[in-house]
Amino acid sequence: MNDTPFQKTDKFLGMVSSWADAQWIYFGIPMDYTVSFQPGSRFAPSRVREASYAIETYSLTQDRDLEELRICDAGDVELPFGNVTESLNRIKTAAKKIIKDKKRLFALGGEHLVTLPLVQALVEEYPELVIVHFDAHADLRDDYLGEKLSHATVMRRITECIKPKNLYQFGIRSGTRDEVHFAREFGHFYPHEVKEPLKQVLSELRVRPVYVTIDSDVIDPAYMPGTGTPEPGGISSTEAFEAVRLLKGLQVVGADLVEVMPLHDVSQRSAVLAAKLVRELLLAIG
């Protein structure tokens, strides 16, 4: 593993496979350099790994166990603190190694901008890639305070590297008027709800490679207080679990969970919720 761009860490519960044997590579991206409200998501990879030991590897609902999947926790991508451009380059390099080795990737952010280089790497391998995006925020600004690279612009940048109408957004309840107009014209936009509209488009999604990106703030802050930009009025944790289980049977080639900020939740329930969401999503798509 010395030839990989990762640093060693403790492992997520149940992710016991070696790199060579794994079908999935799980890794952390400790970056929060462009957040617009509260920093701290850089600590999520380590805290969610720690919190994973509060849950079981077995899912009662899905009757599956993480230890039945071949998952390698590779550690965290090593990043130069504060250098956005170089950090994005290193994240893309890490993703390309995973893809070259014929494995699927699951990343734990970090801020939402980390999704951009992961998608850029995957589009090179899967030109028809579809993005399934759960979030409170549209993230479709063309710039934020003059910056093109921001967690507030990540989905706009992603629309520049995927084919038109290949962005499916669910649960959005915050954005500018321009963002909403852009979303309705150039993507598939399902505000406020997640589970029911997702059910309606599953047949469209089954025939194409899919990338799933989940911003933790899609969940109401009553359930997920540890997030960088909390937005009241979100879905429940139960609906979040039900929604990710609907993804079973899709050709998911990569996924991420971002914007978890455990340091602002002394109860640790946000980190535990994030760990369980990782488990449920991987068991559904793995």
Protein backbone atom coordinates (compact mmCIF):
# COMPACT_ATOMS: atom_id res chain seq x y z
CA MET A 1 0.00 0.00 0.00
CA ASN A 2 3.00 2.36 0.04
CA ASP A 3 2.28 3.25 -3.60
CA THR A 4 -1.15 4.64 -2.76
CA PRO A 5 -1.93 8.30 -1.93
CA PHE A 6 -3.46 7.43 1.44
CA GLN A 7 -2.30 7.65 5.03
CA LYS A 8 -3.06 4.86 7.48
CA THR A 9 -5.83 5.29 10.06
CA ASP A 10 -8.04 3.14 12.23
CA LYS A 11 -10.54 1.18 10.15
CA PHE A 12 -14.29 1.51 9.86
CA LEU A 13 -16.06 -1.37 11.58
CA GLY A 14 -16.35 -4.48 9.41
CA MET A 15 -14.16 -3.22 6.56
CA VAL A 16 -11.60 -5.98 6.87
CA SER A 17 -10.55 -6.78 3.29
CA SER A 18 -7.14 -6.03 1.83
CA TRP A 19 -6.81 -3.67 -1.12
CA ALA A 20 -6.09 -6.58 -3.45
CA ASP A 21 -9.18 -8.55 -2.39
CA ALA A 22 -11.63 -5.66 -2.05
CA GLN A 23 -14.49 -4.76 -4.37
CA TRP A 24 -14.98 -1.42 -2.61
CA ILE A 25 -12.35 1.04 -1.41
CA TYR A 26 -13.55 3.25 1.44
CA PHE A 27 -11.48 6.32 2.28
CA GLY A 28 -11.67 9.66 4.05
CA ILE A 29 -11.15 13.13 2.59
CA PRO A 30 -10.37 15.51 5.48
CA MET A 31 -10.93 18.81 3.63
CA ASP A 32 -13.11 21.77 4.62
CA TYR A 33 -11.27 24.74 3.09
CA THR A 34 -14.18 26.41 1.21
CA VAL A 35 -17.07 26.05 3.66
CA SER A 36 -19.26 29.14 3.93
CA PHE A 37 -20.51 28.81 7.51
CA GLN A 38 -18.92 26.43 10.03
CA PRO A 39 -15.68 24.50 9.41
CA GLY A 40 -14.97 21.15 11.03
CA SER A 41 -15.98 18.49 8.49
CA ARG A 42 -12.29 17.68 8.03
CA PHE A 43 -12.58 15.72 11.28
CA ALA A 44 -15.49 13.58 10.08
CA PRO A 45 -13.47 10.68 8.60
CA SER A 46 -11.78 9.90 11.92
CA ARG A 47 -14.82 10.58 14.10
CA VAL A 48 -17.20 8.51 11.95
CA ARG A 49 -14.76 5.59 11.98
CA GLU A 50 -14.68 5.84 15.76
CA ALA A 51 -18.49 6.09 15.95
CA SER A 52 -18.87 3.01 13.72
CA TYR A 53 -17.97 0.87 16.73
CA ALA A 54 -21.26 1.95 18.32
CA ILE A 55 -23.26 0.09 15.65
CA GLU A 56 -23.41 -3.48 14.40
CA THR A 57 -21.93 -4.68 11.13
CA TYR A 58 -25.27 -6.47 10.58
CA SER A 59 -28.35 -4.65 9.26
CA LEU A 60 -31.55 -6.10 10.64
CA THR A 61 -33.59 -4.39 7.92
CA GLN A 62 -31.51 -5.67 5.01
CA ASP A 63 -30.40 -8.97 6.57
CA ARG A 64 -26.88 -8.30 5.34
CA ASP A 65 -23.57 -7.79 7.11
CA LEU A 66 -20.68 -5.49 6.18
CA GLU A 67 -18.29 -8.37 6.77
CA GLU A 68 -19.99 -10.23 3.91
CA LEU A 69 -18.82 -7.50 1.50
CA ARG A 70 -15.24 -7.08 0.36
CA ILE A 71 -14.44 -3.54 1.57
CA CYS A 72 -11.01 -2.09 2.26
CA ASP A 73 -10.71 1.02 4.44
CA ALA A 74 -7.65 2.56 2.79
CA GLY A 75 -7.32 5.46 5.23
CA ASP A 76 -7.45 9.16 4.36
CA VAL A 77 -6.13 11.03 1.34
CA GLU A 78 -3.12 13.10 2.38
CA LEU A 79 -3.87 16.75 1.62
CA PRO A 80 -1.85 20.00 1.80
CA PHE A 81 -3.86 22.04 4.28
CA GLY A 82 -5.52 25.08 2.74
CA ASN A 83 -4.42 24.41 -0.85
CA VAL A 84 -7.71 23.82 -2.67
CA THR A 85 -6.37 23.17 -6.18
CA GLU A 86 -3.63 20.74 -5.13
CA SER A 87 -6.01 18.97 -2.74
CA LEU A 88 -8.52 18.42 -5.55
CA ASN A 89 -5.71 17.07 -7.74
CA ARG A 90 -4.66 14.60 -5.05
CA ILE A 91 -8.25 13.45 -4.52
CA LYS A 92 -8.64 12.84 -8.24
CA THR A 93 -5.35 10.90 -8.32
CA ALA A 94 -6.58 8.69 -5.47
CA ALA A 95 -9.87 8.06 -7.27
CA LYS A 96 -8.12 7.21 -10.53
CA LYS A 97 -5.98 4.59 -8.78
CA ILE A 98 -9.12 2.94 -7.39
CA ILE A 99 -10.76 2.97 -10.82
CA LYS A 100 -7.60 1.66 -12.51
CA ASP A 101 -7.58 -1.24 -10.06
CA LYS A 102 -11.18 -2.10 -11.11
CA LYS A 103 -12.74 -1.26 -7.76
CA ARG A 104 -15.61 0.94 -6.68
CA LEU A 105 -15.09 3.90 -4.37
CA PHE A 106 -16.86 5.25 -1.30
CA ALA A 107 -15.58 8.52 0.18
CA LEU A 108 -16.33 10.14 3.52
CA GLY A 109 -15.85 13.93 3.46
CA GLY A 110 -15.01 16.59 4.23
CA GLU A 111 -16.89 19.34 2.49
CA HIS A 112 -19.00 18.82 -0.60
CA LEU A 113 -16.40 20.19 -3.02
CA VAL A 114 -14.54 16.88 -2.66
CA THR A 115 -17.21 15.26 -4.85
CA LEU A 116 -16.00 17.17 -7.91
CA PRO A 117 -12.66 15.37 -8.49
CA LEU A 118 -14.26 12.01 -7.72
CA VAL A 119 -16.87 12.58 -10.44
CA GLN A 120 -14.24 13.92 -12.84
CA ALA A 121 -12.25 10.71 -12.43
CA LEU A 122 -15.30 8.48 -12.86
CA VAL A 123 -16.61 10.30 -15.95
CA GLU A 124 -13.41 9.37 -17.77
CA GLU A 125 -14.34 5.71 -17.23
CA TYR A 126 -18.15 6.10 -17.42
CA PRO A 127 -19.11 8.86 -19.91
CA GLU A 128 -22.84 8.28 -19.27
CA LEU A 129 -22.47 8.75 -15.51
CA VAL A 130 -25.60 9.90 -13.67
CA ILE A 131 -25.37 11.85 -10.41
CA VAL A 132 -27.92 11.16 -7.66
CA HIS A 133 -27.67 14.04 -5.21
CA PHE A 134 -29.35 14.22 -1.78
CA ASP A 135 -28.92 17.64 -0.16
CA ALA A 136 -30.60 20.58 1.56
CA HIS A 137 -28.80 22.99 -0.79
CA ALA A 138 -28.76 23.09 -4.59
CA ASP A 139 -25.00 23.87 -4.74
CA LEU A 140 -25.54 25.27 -8.24
CA ARG A 141 -24.10 28.77 -7.89
CA ASP A 142 -21.73 29.67 -10.70
CA ASP A 143 -19.48 31.28 -8.12
CA TYR A 144 -19.56 32.05 -4.41
CA LEU A 145 -18.04 35.42 -3.49
CA GLY A 146 -16.11 35.26 -6.75
CA GLU A 147 -14.79 31.73 -6.22
CA LYS A 148 -15.63 29.07 -8.80
CA LEU A 149 -14.44 26.23 -6.55
CA SER A 150 -16.61 26.11 -3.44
CA HIS A 151 -18.91 23.73 -1.65
CA ALA A 152 -21.68 26.11 -2.83
CA THR A 153 -20.71 25.63 -6.50
CA VAL A 154 -19.85 21.94 -6.63
CA MET A 155 -22.92 20.73 -8.51
CA ARG A 156 -22.60 23.55 -11.05
CA ARG A 157 -19.03 22.45 -11.75
CA ILE A 158 -20.20 18.84 -12.00
CA THR A 159 -22.80 19.77 -14.64
CA GLU A 160 -19.88 20.98 -16.74
CA CYS A 161 -18.35 17.49 -16.91
CA ILE A 162 -21.42 15.23 -17.18
CA LYS A 163 -23.96 15.03 -19.97
CA PRO A 164 -27.05 17.28 -19.84
CA LYS A 165 -29.93 16.08 -17.69
CA ASN A 166 -27.71 13.54 -15.89
CA LEU A 167 -28.09 15.32 -12.54
CA TYR A 168 -30.91 14.15 -10.26
CA GLN A 169 -31.37 16.28 -7.13
CA PHE A 170 -33.54 15.30 -4.16
CA GLY A 171 -34.50 16.99 -0.91
CA ILE A 172 -33.34 20.48 -1.89
CA ARG A 173 -34.95 23.14 0.30
CA SER A 174 -32.52 26.05 -0.04
CA GLY A 175 -31.04 27.95 -2.97
CA THR A 176 -31.11 31.17 -4.93
CA ARG A 177 -33.75 31.84 -7.58
CA ASP A 178 -31.07 31.43 -10.27
CA GLU A 179 -30.03 28.06 -8.87
CA VAL A 180 -33.61 26.78 -8.89
CA HIS A 181 -34.15 27.95 -12.46
CA PHE A 182 -30.91 26.27 -13.53
CA ALA A 183 -31.86 23.05 -11.73
CA ARG A 184 -35.27 22.88 -13.40
CA GLU A 185 -33.85 23.59 -16.87
CA PHE A 186 -30.69 21.49 -16.86
CA GLY A 187 -31.36 18.68 -14.39
CA HIS A 188 -34.05 16.64 -12.66
CA PHE A 189 -35.11 18.65 -9.64
CA TYR A 190 -37.18 17.20 -6.77
CA PRO A 191 -37.29 19.73 -3.91
CA HIS A 192 -38.18 18.95 -0.29
CA GLU A 193 -38.77 15.21 -0.76
CA VAL A 194 -36.42 12.30 -1.31
CA LYS A 195 -38.00 8.86 -1.05
CA GLU A 196 -41.17 9.25 -3.12
CA PRO A 197 -39.64 11.05 -6.14
CA LEU A 198 -36.69 8.66 -6.04
CA LYS A 199 -39.10 5.74 -6.41
CA GLN A 200 -40.51 7.35 -9.55
CA VAL A 201 -37.17 7.58 -11.38
CA LEU A 202 -35.56 4.28 -10.42
CA SER A 203 -36.41 2.73 -13.78
CA GLU A 204 -34.50 5.54 -15.55
CA LEU A 205 -31.50 5.13 -13.29
CA ARG A 206 -31.21 1.34 -13.62
CA VAL A 207 -29.88 1.47 -17.17
CA ARG A 208 -26.92 3.80 -16.48
CA PRO A 209 -23.86 3.99 -14.20
CA VAL A 210 -24.68 6.00 -11.08
CA TYR A 211 -22.73 8.09 -8.59
CA VAL A 212 -24.48 8.82 -5.28
CA THR A 213 -23.55 11.90 -3.26
CA ILE A 214 -25.23 12.57 0.08
CA ASP A 215 -24.83 15.83 1.95
CA SER A 216 -25.65 15.09 5.58
CA ASP A 217 -27.74 18.27 5.81
CA VAL A 218 -30.46 16.68 3.69
CA ILE A 219 -31.44 15.22 7.07
CA ASP A 220 -33.20 17.62 9.43
CA PRO A 221 -30.83 19.13 12.02
CA ALA A 222 -33.07 17.69 14.75
CA TYR A 223 -31.58 14.32 13.74
CA MET A 224 -28.25 15.54 12.29
CA PRO A 225 -27.13 18.60 14.28
CA GLY A 226 -23.48 17.97 13.43
CA THR A 227 -23.36 19.47 9.95
CA GLY A 228 -21.74 22.61 8.63
CA THR A 229 -24.76 24.41 7.17
CA PRO A 230 -27.87 23.14 8.97
CA GLU A 231 -31.16 23.85 7.21
CA PRO A 232 -34.43 23.24 9.13
CA GLY A 233 -37.22 21.27 7.49
CA GLY A 234 -35.33 18.24 6.26
CA ILE A 235 -36.10 14.56 6.07
CA SER A 236 -35.96 12.22 9.05
CA SER A 237 -33.14 9.77 9.63
CA THR A 238 -35.65 6.97 8.96
CA GLU A 239 -36.46 8.38 5.51
CA ALA A 240 -32.75 8.72 4.77
CA PHE A 241 -32.23 5.03 5.49
CA GLU A 242 -35.29 4.08 3.44
CA ALA A 243 -34.09 6.20 0.52
CA VAL A 244 -30.61 4.68 0.33
CA ARG A 245 -32.08 1.18 0.48
CA LEU A 246 -34.08 2.02 -2.66
CA LEU A 247 -30.77 2.24 -4.54
CA LYS A 248 -30.38 -1.53 -4.39
CA GLY A 249 -30.03 -2.95 -7.88
CA LEU A 250 -28.59 0.18 -9.45
CA GLN A 251 -25.16 0.16 -11.08
CA VAL A 252 -23.54 2.37 -8.46
CA VAL A 253 -19.88 2.85 -9.32
CA GLY A 254 -19.10 5.33 -6.56
CA ALA A 255 -20.61 7.20 -3.64
CA ASP A 256 -19.84 9.69 -0.91
CA LEU A 257 -21.21 11.13 2.31
CA VAL A 258 -20.11 14.69 3.03
CA GLU A 259 -20.50 17.71 5.33
CA VAL A 260 -20.71 15.77 8.59
CA MET A 261 -19.26 17.94 11.37
CA PRO A 262 -19.05 15.84 14.55
CA LEU A 263 -17.27 18.42 16.72
CA HIS A 264 -20.44 20.53 16.92
CA ASP A 265 -22.47 17.62 18.31
CA VAL A 266 -21.28 16.64 21.76
CA SER A 267 -23.84 13.82 21.91
CA GLN A 268 -22.02 12.07 18.99
CA ARG A 269 -25.39 11.12 17.51
CA SER A 270 -24.48 12.80 14.20
CA ALA A 271 -21.34 10.67 13.83
CA VAL A 272 -23.25 7.51 14.77
CA LEU A 273 -26.02 8.41 12.30
CA ALA A 274 -23.40 8.97 9.61
CA ALA A 275 -21.78 5.61 10.35
CA LYS A 276 -25.12 3.83 10.11
CA LEU A 277 -25.91 5.64 6.85
CA VAL A 278 -22.57 4.45 5.45
CA ARG A 279 -23.45 0.90 6.49
CA GLU A 280 -26.96 0.97 5.03
CA LEU A 281 -25.85 2.53 1.77
CA LEU A 282 -22.99 0.11 1.23
CA LEU A 283 -25.18 -2.89 2.05
CA ALA A 284 -27.78 -1.65 -0.43
CA ILE A 285 -25.43 -0.94 -3.33
CA GLY A 286 -22.71 -3.50 -2.58
